[in-house]
Amino acid sequence: KEVIELFDRYVENNVRNLDKPDAINMLKSEFGLEEEEAGVMFETFDKDKNGIMSIWEFEQFFLCMGNHAKDIVQKFKEIDTDGSGKLEAEEAREGLKSIKTATGR
């Protein structure tokens, strides 16, 4: 329900689709993402690559990222030590070692 209510703040005429600029605006406003970060999230979750974020695609984003999208992006940047925008195997290994779980491990 929370997902639909959030998404519906940005839809027009009760059509549960957002074009790319509107979706990016929503991701920036609701999740505190920068323009580039919101664009990457849009491209990642626009599964059918039609330039539109459907309610289903947004639900997938929310299930994966939730209200922690900004934190996840920040952690990725910390782990991506060479700044390539991709995690090499060694970066991923070292990054995972540095992450503490809810149990403190």
PDB file of N, CA and C in Angstrom:
ATOM      1  N   LYS A   1       0.825  -1.200   0.000  1.00  0.00           N
ATOM      2  CA  LYS A   1       0.000   0.000   0.000  1.00  0.00           C
ATOM      3  C   LYS A   1       0.865   1.258   0.000  1.00  0.00           C
ATOM      4  N   GLU A   2       1.903   1.264   0.835  1.00  0.00           N
ATOM      5  CA  GLU A   2       2.806   2.416   0.902  1.00  0.00           C
ATOM      6  C   GLU A   2       3.430   2.703  -0.461  1.00  0.00           C
ATOM      7  N   VAL A   3       3.799   1.640  -1.175  1.00  0.00           N
ATOM      8  CA  VAL A   3       4.425   1.779  -2.487  1.00  0.00           C
ATOM      9  C   VAL A   3       3.472   2.458  -3.457  1.00  0.00           C
ATOM     10  N   ILE A   4       2.248   2.007  -3.490  1.00  0.00           N
ATOM     11  CA  ILE A   4       1.262   2.558  -4.419  1.00  0.00           C
ATOM     12  C   ILE A   4       0.962   4.011  -4.082  1.00  0.00           C
ATOM     13  N   GLU A   5       0.808   4.316  -2.807  1.00  0.00           N
ATOM     14  CA  GLU A   5       0.530   5.698  -2.397  1.00  0.00           C
ATOM     15  C   GLU A   5       1.669   6.633  -2.804  1.00  0.00           C
ATOM     16  N   LEU A   6       2.893   6.194  -2.603  1.00  0.00           N
ATOM     17  CA  LEU A   6       4.045   7.004  -2.988  1.00  0.00           C
ATOM     18  C   LEU A   6       4.058   7.218  -4.503  1.00  0.00           C
ATOM     19  N   PHE A   7       3.904   6.153  -5.265  1.00  0.00           N
ATOM     20  CA  PHE A   7       3.919   6.225  -6.730  1.00  0.00           C
ATOM     21  C   PHE A   7       2.798   7.116  -7.243  1.00  0.00           C
ATOM     22  N   ASP A   8       1.613   6.977  -6.649  1.00  0.00           N
ATOM     23  CA  ASP A   8       0.439   7.721  -7.118  1.00  0.00           C
ATOM     24  C   ASP A   8       0.568   9.232  -6.938  1.00  0.00           C
ATOM     25  N   ARG A   9       1.485   9.679  -6.086  1.00  0.00           N
ATOM     26  CA  ARG A   9       1.706  11.129  -5.949  1.00  0.00           C
ATOM     27  C   ARG A   9       2.220  11.746  -7.244  1.00  0.00           C
ATOM     28  N   TYR A  10       2.789  10.916  -8.112  1.00  0.00           N
ATOM     29  CA  TYR A  10       3.439  11.420  -9.320  1.00  0.00           C
ATOM     30  C   TYR A  10       2.719  11.058 -10.618  1.00  0.00           C
ATOM     31  N   VAL A  11       1.674  10.252 -10.552  1.00  0.00           N
ATOM     32  CA  VAL A  11       0.979   9.847 -11.774  1.00  0.00           C
ATOM     33  C   VAL A  11      -0.069  10.882 -12.156  1.00  0.00           C
ATOM     34  N   GLU A  12      -0.420  10.877 -13.430  1.00  0.00           N
ATOM     35  CA  GLU A  12      -1.464  11.766 -13.931  1.00  0.00           C
ATOM     36  C   GLU A  12      -2.588  10.927 -14.506  1.00  0.00           C
ATOM     37  N   ASN A  13      -3.804  11.370 -14.310  1.00  0.00           N
ATOM     38  CA  ASN A  13      -4.995  10.723 -14.869  1.00  0.00           C
ATOM     39  C   ASN A  13      -5.117   9.256 -14.455  1.00  0.00           C
ATOM     40  N   ASN A  14      -4.642   8.927 -13.246  1.00  0.00           N
ATOM     41  CA  ASN A  14      -4.731   7.563 -12.707  1.00  0.00           C
ATOM     42  C   ASN A  14      -4.059   6.505 -13.568  1.00  0.00           C
ATOM     43  N   VAL A  15      -3.105   6.904 -14.412  1.00  0.00           N
ATOM     44  CA  VAL A  15      -2.336   5.954 -15.214  1.00  0.00           C
ATOM     45  C   VAL A  15      -1.058   5.666 -14.438  1.00  0.00           C
ATOM     46  N   ARG A  16      -0.900   4.436 -13.997  1.00  0.00           N
ATOM     47  CA  ARG A  16       0.221   4.094 -13.119  1.00  0.00           C
ATOM     48  C   ARG A  16       1.483   3.785 -13.907  1.00  0.00           C
ATOM     49  N   ASN A  17       1.916   4.761 -14.670  1.00  0.00           N
ATOM     50  CA  ASN A  17       3.181   4.737 -15.396  1.00  0.00           C
ATOM     51  C   ASN A  17       3.808   6.107 -15.274  1.00  0.00           C
ATOM     52  N   LEU A  18       5.118   6.149 -15.164  1.00  0.00           N
ATOM     53  CA  LEU A  18       5.829   7.426 -15.167  1.00  0.00           C
ATOM     54  C   LEU A  18       6.854   7.412 -16.283  1.00  0.00           C
ATOM     55  N   ASP A  19       6.861   8.484 -17.098  1.00  0.00           N
ATOM     56  CA  ASP A  19       7.911   8.557 -18.103  1.00  0.00           C
ATOM     57  C   ASP A  19       9.225   8.862 -17.394  1.00  0.00           C
ATOM     58  N   LYS A  20      10.310   8.726 -18.114  1.00  0.00           N
ATOM     59  CA  LYS A  20      11.632   8.814 -17.497  1.00  0.00           C
ATOM     60  C   LYS A  20      11.843  10.104 -16.700  1.00  0.00           C
ATOM     61  N   PRO A  21      11.547  11.300 -17.251  1.00  0.00           N
ATOM     62  CA  PRO A  21      11.780  12.509 -16.454  1.00  0.00           C
ATOM     63  C   PRO A  21      10.964  12.541 -15.152  1.00  0.00           C
ATOM     64  N   ASP A  22       9.705  12.096 -15.213  1.00  0.00           N
ATOM     65  CA  ASP A  22       8.876  12.084 -14.009  1.00  0.00           C
ATOM     66  C   ASP A  22       9.373  11.051 -13.004  1.00  0.00           C
ATOM     67  N   ALA A  23       9.794   9.895 -13.492  1.00  0.00           N
ATOM     68  CA  ALA A  23      10.315   8.855 -12.598  1.00  0.00           C
ATOM     69  C   ALA A  23      11.602   9.326 -11.927  1.00  0.00           C
ATOM     70  N   ILE A  24      12.479   9.959 -12.683  1.00  0.00           N
ATOM     71  CA  ILE A  24      13.731  10.464 -12.117  1.00  0.00           C
ATOM     72  C   ILE A  24      13.435  11.536 -11.079  1.00  0.00           C
ATOM     73  N   ASN A  25      12.487  12.407 -11.369  1.00  0.00           N
ATOM     74  CA  ASN A  25      12.084  13.431 -10.406  1.00  0.00           C
ATOM     75  C   ASN A  25      11.588  12.783  -9.111  1.00  0.00           C
ATOM     76  N   MET A  26      10.771  11.734  -9.236  1.00  0.00           N
ATOM     77  CA  MET A  26      10.267  11.033  -8.059  1.00  0.00           C
ATOM     78  C   MET A  26      11.412  10.412  -7.263  1.00  0.00           C
ATOM     79  N   LEU A  27      12.343   9.741  -7.952  1.00  0.00           N
ATOM     80  CA  LEU A  27      13.459   9.100  -7.268  1.00  0.00           C
ATOM     81  C   LEU A  27      14.334  10.127  -6.547  1.00  0.00           C
ATOM     82  N   LYS A  28      14.509  11.283  -7.150  1.00  0.00           N
ATOM     83  CA  LYS A  28      15.273  12.348  -6.511  1.00  0.00           C
ATOM     84  C   LYS A  28      14.526  12.898  -5.300  1.00  0.00           C
ATOM     85  N   SER A  29      13.254  13.194  -5.474  1.00  0.00           N
ATOM     86  CA  SER A  29      12.464  13.818  -4.404  1.00  0.00           C
ATOM     87  C   SER A  29      12.214  12.893  -3.228  1.00  0.00           C
ATOM     88  N   GLU A  30      11.834  11.674  -3.519  1.00  0.00           N
ATOM     89  CA  GLU A  30      11.424  10.746  -2.458  1.00  0.00           C
ATOM     90  C   GLU A  30      12.577   9.999  -1.815  1.00  0.00           C
ATOM     91  N   PHE A  31      13.674   9.803  -2.544  1.00  0.00           N
ATOM     92  CA  PHE A  31      14.759   8.967  -2.032  1.00  0.00           C
ATOM     93  C   PHE A  31      16.081   9.716  -1.894  1.00  0.00           C
ATOM     94  N   GLY A  32      16.083  11.013  -2.193  1.00  0.00           N
ATOM     95  CA  GLY A  32      17.276  11.831  -2.002  1.00  0.00           C
ATOM     96  C   GLY A  32      18.414  11.519  -2.946  1.00  0.00           C
ATOM     97  N   LEU A  33      18.097  10.958  -4.114  1.00  0.00           N
ATOM     98  CA  LEU A  33      19.139  10.611  -5.065  1.00  0.00           C
ATOM     99  C   LEU A  33      19.524  11.817  -5.908  1.00  0.00           C
ATOM    100  N   GLU A  34      20.766  11.850  -6.353  1.00  0.00           N
ATOM    101  CA  GLU A  34      21.222  12.859  -7.305  1.00  0.00           C
ATOM    102  C   GLU A  34      20.703  12.483  -8.688  1.00  0.00           C
ATOM    103  N   GLU A  35      20.773  13.397  -9.620  1.00  0.00           N
ATOM    104  CA  GLU A  35      20.286  13.172 -10.989  1.00  0.00           C
ATOM    105  C   GLU A  35      20.886  11.905 -11.608  1.00  0.00           C
ATOM    106  N   GLU A  36      22.201  11.785 -11.543  1.00  0.00           N
ATOM    107  CA  GLU A  36      22.873  10.625 -12.140  1.00  0.00           C
ATOM    108  C   GLU A  36      22.465   9.321 -11.448  1.00  0.00           C
ATOM    109  N   GLU A  37      22.396   9.362 -10.122  1.00  0.00           N
ATOM    110  CA  GLU A  37      22.000   8.170  -9.368  1.00  0.00           C
ATOM    111  C   GLU A  37      20.577   7.747  -9.714  1.00  0.00           C
ATOM    112  N   ALA A  38      19.681   8.724  -9.795  1.00  0.00           N
ATOM    113  CA  ALA A  38      18.288   8.425 -10.143  1.00  0.00           C
ATOM    114  C   ALA A  38      18.202   7.850 -11.554  1.00  0.00           C
ATOM    115  N   GLY A  39      19.031   8.375 -12.465  1.00  0.00           N
ATOM    116  CA  GLY A  39      19.057   7.850 -13.826  1.00  0.00           C
ATOM    117  C   GLY A  39      19.513   6.401 -13.877  1.00  0.00           C
ATOM    118  N   VAL A  40      20.519   6.079 -13.082  1.00  0.00           N
ATOM    119  CA  VAL A  40      21.007   4.696 -13.026  1.00  0.00           C
ATOM    120  C   VAL A  40      19.924   3.785 -12.462  1.00  0.00           C
ATOM    121  N   MET A  41      19.252   4.234 -11.412  1.00  0.00           N
ATOM    122  CA  MET A  41      18.172   3.425 -10.832  1.00  0.00           C
ATOM    123  C   MET A  41      17.055   3.215 -11.853  1.00  0.00           C
ATOM    124  N   PHE A  42      16.713   4.280 -12.579  1.00  0.00           N
ATOM    125  CA  PHE A  42      15.671   4.143 -13.592  1.00  0.00           C
ATOM    126  C   PHE A  42      16.064   3.106 -14.634  1.00  0.00           C
ATOM    127  N   GLU A  43      17.271   3.229 -15.154  1.00  0.00           N
ATOM    128  CA  GLU A  43      17.731   2.293 -16.190  1.00  0.00           C
ATOM    129  C   GLU A  43      17.784   0.860 -15.664  1.00  0.00           C
ATOM    130  N   THR A  44      18.165   0.705 -14.416  1.00  0.00           N
ATOM    131  CA  THR A  44      18.253  -0.631 -13.813  1.00  0.00           C
ATOM    132  C   THR A  44      16.887  -1.274 -13.663  1.00  0.00           C
ATOM    133  N   PHE A  45      15.910  -0.504 -13.251  1.00  0.00           N
ATOM    134  CA  PHE A  45      14.600  -1.086 -12.948  1.00  0.00           C
ATOM    135  C   PHE A  45      13.588  -0.954 -14.081  1.00  0.00           C
ATOM    136  N   ASP A  46      13.938  -0.269 -15.169  1.00  0.00           N
ATOM    137  CA  ASP A  46      13.071  -0.233 -16.363  1.00  0.00           C
ATOM    138  C   ASP A  46      13.324  -1.536 -17.122  1.00  0.00           C
ATOM    139  N   LYS A  47      12.736  -2.606 -16.627  1.00  0.00           N
ATOM    140  CA  LYS A  47      13.050  -3.960 -17.105  1.00  0.00           C
ATOM    141  C   LYS A  47      12.766  -4.167 -18.587  1.00  0.00           C
ATOM    142  N   ASP A  48      11.696  -3.571 -19.104  1.00  0.00           N
ATOM    143  CA  ASP A  48      11.373  -3.775 -20.526  1.00  0.00           C
ATOM    144  C   ASP A  48      12.012  -2.710 -21.416  1.00  0.00           C
ATOM    145  N   LYS A  49      12.787  -1.802 -20.810  1.00  0.00           N
ATOM    146  CA  LYS A  49      13.552  -0.775 -21.534  1.00  0.00           C
ATOM    147  C   LYS A  49      12.685   0.063 -22.474  1.00  0.00           C
ATOM    148  N   ASN A  50      11.468   0.394 -22.004  1.00  0.00           N
ATOM    149  CA  ASN A  50      10.577   1.202 -22.831  1.00  0.00           C
ATOM    150  C   ASN A  50      10.587   2.682 -22.443  1.00  0.00           C
ATOM    151  N   GLY A  51      11.451   3.066 -21.501  1.00  0.00           N
ATOM    152  CA  GLY A  51      11.543   4.465 -21.096  1.00  0.00           C
ATOM    153  C   GLY A  51      10.433   4.910 -20.166  1.00  0.00           C
ATOM    154  N   ILE A  52       9.687   3.943 -19.628  1.00  0.00           N
ATOM    155  CA  ILE A  52       8.576   4.232 -18.723  1.00  0.00           C
ATOM    156  C   ILE A  52       8.722   3.345 -17.498  1.00  0.00           C
ATOM    157  N   MET A  53       8.499   3.918 -16.318  1.00  0.00           N
ATOM    158  CA  MET A  53       8.505   3.113 -15.100  1.00  0.00           C
ATOM    159  C   MET A  53       7.064   2.777 -14.749  1.00  0.00           C
ATOM    160  N   SER A  54       6.761   1.506 -14.801  1.00  0.00           N
ATOM    161  CA  SER A  54       5.416   1.044 -14.424  1.00  0.00           C
ATOM    162  C   SER A  54       5.342   0.868 -12.919  1.00  0.00           C
ATOM    163  N   ILE A  55       4.143   0.703 -12.411  1.00  0.00           N
ATOM    164  CA  ILE A  55       3.988   0.460 -10.979  1.00  0.00           C
ATOM    165  C   ILE A  55       4.715  -0.826 -10.595  1.00  0.00           C
ATOM    166  N   TRP A  56       4.680  -1.841 -11.450  1.00  0.00           N
ATOM    167  CA  TRP A  56       5.375  -3.096 -11.155  1.00  0.00           C
ATOM    168  C   TRP A  56       6.886  -2.863 -11.056  1.00  0.00           C
ATOM    169  N   GLU A  57       7.445  -2.100 -11.987  1.00  0.00           N
ATOM    170  CA  GLU A  57       8.887  -1.824 -11.958  1.00  0.00           C
ATOM    171  C   GLU A  57       9.250  -1.026 -10.705  1.00  0.00           C
ATOM    172  N   PHE A  58       8.388  -0.073 -10.344  1.00  0.00           N
ATOM    173  CA  PHE A  58       8.655   0.691  -9.129  1.00  0.00           C
ATOM    174  C   PHE A  58       8.578  -0.203  -7.896  1.00  0.00           C
ATOM    175  N   GLU A  59       7.634  -1.125  -7.867  1.00  0.00           N
ATOM    176  CA  GLU A  59       7.548  -2.061  -6.750  1.00  0.00           C
ATOM    177  C   GLU A  59       8.827  -2.882  -6.630  1.00  0.00           C
ATOM    178  N   GLN A  60       9.397  -3.271  -7.763  1.00  0.00           N
ATOM    179  CA  GLN A  60      10.656  -4.021  -7.740  1.00  0.00           C
ATOM    180  C   GLN A  60      11.774  -3.162  -7.165  1.00  0.00           C
ATOM    181  N   PHE A  61      11.832  -1.905  -7.588  1.00  0.00           N
ATOM    182  CA  PHE A  61      12.807  -0.967  -7.029  1.00  0.00           C
ATOM    183  C   PHE A  61      12.632  -0.874  -5.520  1.00  0.00           C
ATOM    184  N   PHE A  62      11.386  -0.674  -5.079  1.00  0.00           N
ATOM    185  CA  PHE A  62      11.118  -0.466  -3.660  1.00  0.00           C
ATOM    186  C   PHE A  62      11.437  -1.717  -2.850  1.00  0.00           C
ATOM    187  N   LEU A  63      11.140  -2.887  -3.398  1.00  0.00           N
ATOM    188  CA  LEU A  63      11.461  -4.135  -2.701  1.00  0.00           C
ATOM    189  C   LEU A  63      12.975  -4.294  -2.535  1.00  0.00           C
ATOM    190  N   CYS A  64      13.716  -3.924  -3.554  1.00  0.00           N
ATOM    191  CA  CYS A  64      15.182  -4.063  -3.505  1.00  0.00           C
ATOM    192  C   CYS A  64      15.852  -2.967  -2.689  1.00  0.00           C
ATOM    193  N   MET A  65      15.391  -1.745  -2.855  1.00  0.00           N
ATOM    194  CA  MET A  65      16.091  -0.604  -2.285  1.00  0.00           C
ATOM    195  C   MET A  65      15.365   0.020  -1.092  1.00  0.00           C
ATOM    196  N   GLY A  66      14.053   0.005  -1.131  1.00  0.00           N
ATOM    197  CA  GLY A  66      13.270   0.611  -0.058  1.00  0.00           C
ATOM    198  C   GLY A  66      13.682   2.045   0.198  1.00  0.00           C
ATOM    199  N   ASN A  67      13.570   2.433   1.423  1.00  0.00           N
ATOM    200  CA  ASN A  67      13.954   3.798   1.790  1.00  0.00           C
ATOM    201  C   ASN A  67      15.459   3.958   1.960  1.00  0.00           C
ATOM    202  N   HIS A  68      16.208   2.913   1.619  1.00  0.00           N
ATOM    203  CA  HIS A  68      17.655   2.935   1.810  1.00  0.00           C
ATOM    204  C   HIS A  68      18.419   3.171   0.507  1.00  0.00           C
ATOM    205  N   ALA A  69      17.743   3.607  -0.535  1.00  0.00           N
ATOM    206  CA  ALA A  69      18.390   3.774  -1.835  1.00  0.00           C
ATOM    207  C   ALA A  69      19.630   4.653  -1.733  1.00  0.00           C
ATOM    208  N   LYS A  70      19.539   5.779  -1.061  1.00  0.00           N
ATOM    209  CA  LYS A  70      20.667   6.704  -0.930  1.00  0.00           C
ATOM    210  C   LYS A  70      21.833   6.028  -0.209  1.00  0.00           C
ATOM    211  N   ASP A  71      21.545   5.295   0.868  1.00  0.00           N
ATOM    212  CA  ASP A  71      22.589   4.595   1.620  1.00  0.00           C
ATOM    213  C   ASP A  71      23.262   3.529   0.764  1.00  0.00           C
ATOM    214  N   ILE A  72      22.461   2.821  -0.018  1.00  0.00           N
ATOM    215  CA  ILE A  72      23.000   1.758  -0.870  1.00  0.00           C
ATOM    216  C   ILE A  72      23.918   2.347  -1.932  1.00  0.00           C
ATOM    217  N   VAL A  73      23.481   3.447  -2.541  1.00  0.00           N
ATOM    218  CA  VAL A  73      24.313   4.108  -3.552  1.00  0.00           C
ATOM    219  C   VAL A  73      25.615   4.589  -2.920  1.00  0.00           C
ATOM    220  N   GLN A  74      25.533   5.160  -1.731  1.00  0.00           N
ATOM    221  CA  GLN A  74      26.735   5.647  -1.047  1.00  0.00           C
ATOM    222  C   GLN A  74      27.689   4.505  -0.732  1.00  0.00           C
ATOM    223  N   LYS A  75      27.166   3.378  -0.252  1.00  0.00           N
ATOM    224  CA  LYS A  75      28.007   2.223   0.064  1.00  0.00           C
ATOM    225  C   LYS A  75      28.667   1.692  -1.210  1.00  0.00           C
ATOM    226  N   PHE A  76      27.909   1.656  -2.313  1.00  0.00           N
ATOM    227  CA  PHE A  76      28.473   1.207  -3.585  1.00  0.00           C
ATOM    228  C   PHE A  76      29.656   2.090  -3.973  1.00  0.00           C
ATOM    229  N   LYS A  77      29.487   3.402  -3.844  1.00  0.00           N
ATOM    230  CA  LYS A  77      30.572   4.321  -4.189  1.00  0.00           C
ATOM    231  C   LYS A  77      31.796   4.085  -3.316  1.00  0.00           C
ATOM    232  N   GLU A  78      31.580   3.787  -2.039  1.00  0.00           N
ATOM    233  CA  GLU A  78      32.703   3.502  -1.139  1.00  0.00           C
ATOM    234  C   GLU A  78      33.433   2.237  -1.552  1.00  0.00           C
ATOM    235  N   ILE A  79      32.683   1.223  -1.943  1.00  0.00           N
ATOM    236  CA  ILE A  79      33.272  -0.062  -2.324  1.00  0.00           C
ATOM    237  C   ILE A  79      33.962   0.025  -3.684  1.00  0.00           C
ATOM    238  N   ASP A  80      33.431   0.841  -4.588  1.00  0.00           N
ATOM    239  CA  ASP A  80      33.980   1.011  -5.944  1.00  0.00           C
ATOM    240  C   ASP A  80      35.215   1.902  -5.865  1.00  0.00           C
ATOM    241  N   THR A  81      36.306   1.345  -5.352  1.00  0.00           N
ATOM    242  CA  THR A  81      37.490   2.142  -5.057  1.00  0.00           C
ATOM    243  C   THR A  81      38.160   2.754  -6.281  1.00  0.00           C
ATOM    244  N   ASP A  82      37.999   2.147  -7.456  1.00  0.00           N
ATOM    245  CA  ASP A  82      38.615   2.732  -8.651  1.00  0.00           C
ATOM    246  C   ASP A  82      37.677   3.697  -9.377  1.00  0.00           C
ATOM    247  N   GLY A  83      36.449   3.869  -8.861  1.00  0.00           N
ATOM    248  CA  GLY A  83      35.518   4.835  -9.434  1.00  0.00           C
ATOM    249  C   GLY A  83      34.993   4.481 -10.810  1.00  0.00           C
ATOM    250  N   SER A  84      35.041   3.198 -11.166  1.00  0.00           N
ATOM    251  CA  SER A  84      34.621   2.780 -12.508  1.00  0.00           C
ATOM    252  C   SER A  84      33.111   2.686 -12.676  1.00  0.00           C
ATOM    253  N   GLY A  85      32.379   2.687 -11.563  1.00  0.00           N
ATOM    254  CA  GLY A  85      30.935   2.500 -11.648  1.00  0.00           C
ATOM    255  C   GLY A  85      30.546   1.033 -11.706  1.00  0.00           C
ATOM    256  N   LYS A  86      31.544   0.161 -11.629  1.00  0.00           N
ATOM    257  CA  LYS A  86      31.320  -1.287 -11.612  1.00  0.00           C
ATOM    258  C   LYS A  86      32.193  -1.873 -10.516  1.00  0.00           C
ATOM    259  N   LEU A  87      31.704  -2.960  -9.923  1.00  0.00           N
ATOM    260  CA  LEU A  87      32.509  -3.615  -8.891  1.00  0.00           C
ATOM    261  C   LEU A  87      33.295  -4.758  -9.489  1.00  0.00           C
ATOM    262  N   GLU A  88      34.606  -4.658  -9.373  1.00  0.00           N
ATOM    263  CA  GLU A  88      35.475  -5.757  -9.753  1.00  0.00           C
ATOM    264  C   GLU A  88      35.400  -6.787  -8.629  1.00  0.00           C
ATOM    265  N   ALA A  89      35.797  -8.002  -8.905  1.00  0.00           N
ATOM    266  CA  ALA A  89      35.695  -9.077  -7.912  1.00  0.00           C
ATOM    267  C   ALA A  89      36.409  -8.713  -6.609  1.00  0.00           C
ATOM    268  N   GLU A  90      37.597  -8.153  -6.717  1.00  0.00           N
ATOM    269  CA  GLU A  90      38.358  -7.817  -5.504  1.00  0.00           C
ATOM    270  C   GLU A  90      37.683  -6.691  -4.722  1.00  0.00           C
ATOM    271  N   GLU A  91      37.149  -5.695  -5.424  1.00  0.00           N
ATOM    272  CA  GLU A  91      36.423  -4.625  -4.736  1.00  0.00           C
ATOM    273  C   GLU A  91      35.222  -5.194  -3.991  1.00  0.00           C
ATOM    274  N   ALA A  92      34.500  -6.092  -4.639  1.00  0.00           N
ATOM    275  CA  ALA A  92      33.327  -6.701  -4.018  1.00  0.00           C
ATOM    276  C   ALA A  92      33.723  -7.491  -2.776  1.00  0.00           C
ATOM    277  N   ARG A  93      34.785  -8.286  -2.880  1.00  0.00           N
ATOM    278  CA  ARG A  93      35.256  -9.071  -1.731  1.00  0.00           C
ATOM    279  C   ARG A  93      35.617  -8.168  -0.554  1.00  0.00           C
ATOM    280  N   GLU A  94      36.427  -7.165  -0.829  1.00  0.00           N
ATOM    281  CA  GLU A  94      36.851  -6.264   0.237  1.00  0.00           C
ATOM    282  C   GLU A  94      35.667  -5.480   0.799  1.00  0.00           C
ATOM    283  N   GLY A  95      34.781  -5.055  -0.083  1.00  0.00           N
ATOM    284  CA  GLY A  95      33.603  -4.312   0.364  1.00  0.00           C
ATOM    285  C   GLY A  95      32.702  -5.137   1.251  1.00  0.00           C
ATOM    286  N   LEU A  96      32.494  -6.375   0.876  1.00  0.00           N
ATOM    287  CA  LEU A  96      31.634  -7.252   1.681  1.00  0.00           C
ATOM    288  C   LEU A  96      32.245  -7.516   3.055  1.00  0.00           C
ATOM    289  N   LYS A  97      33.560  -7.566   3.118  1.00  0.00           N
ATOM    290  CA  LYS A  97      34.222  -7.759   4.414  1.00  0.00           C
ATOM    291  C   LYS A  97      33.962  -6.579   5.347  1.00  0.00           C
ATOM    292  N   SER A  98      33.793  -5.393   4.764  1.00  0.00           N
ATOM    293  CA  SER A  98      33.630  -4.189   5.588  1.00  0.00           C
ATOM    294  C   SER A  98      32.198  -3.942   6.042  1.00  0.00           C
ATOM    295  N   ILE A  99      31.248  -4.666   5.477  1.00  0.00           N
ATOM    296  CA  ILE A  99      29.846  -4.452   5.811  1.00  0.00           C
ATOM    297  C   ILE A  99      29.473  -5.248   7.051  1.00  0.00           C
ATOM    298  N   LYS A 100      28.877  -4.575   7.998  1.00  0.00           N
ATOM    299  CA  LYS A 100      28.412  -5.245   9.212  1.00  0.00           C
ATOM    300  C   LYS A 100      26.938  -5.584   9.047  1.00  0.00           C
ATOM    301  N   THR A 101      26.566  -6.737   9.503  1.00  0.00           N
ATOM    302  CA  THR A 101      25.161  -7.152   9.450  1.00  0.00           C
ATOM    303  C   THR A 101      24.434  -6.652  10.693  1.00  0.00           C
ATOM    304  N   ALA A 102      23.151  -6.895  10.746  1.00  0.00           N
ATOM    305  CA  ALA A 102      22.354  -6.492  11.885  1.00  0.00           C
ATOM    306  C   ALA A 102      22.824  -7.173  13.171  1.00  0.00           C
ATOM    307  N   THR A 103      23.479  -8.319  13.035  1.00  0.00           N
ATOM    308  CA  THR A 103      23.982  -9.032  14.222  1.00  0.00           C
ATOM    309  C   THR A 103      25.353  -8.534  14.635  1.00  0.00           C
ATOM    310  N   GLY A 104      25.918  -7.573  13.889  1.00  0.00           N
ATOM    311  CA  GLY A 104      27.220  -7.016  14.234  1.00  0.00           C
ATOM    312  C   GLY A 104      28.400  -7.766  13.688  1.00  0.00           C
ATOM    313  N   ARG A 105      28.155  -8.747  12.843  1.00  0.00           N
ATOM    314  CA  ARG A 105      29.246  -9.524  12.263  1.00  0.00           C
ATOM    315  C   ARG A 105      29.791  -8.853  11.041  1.00  0.00           C
TER     316      ARG A 105
END
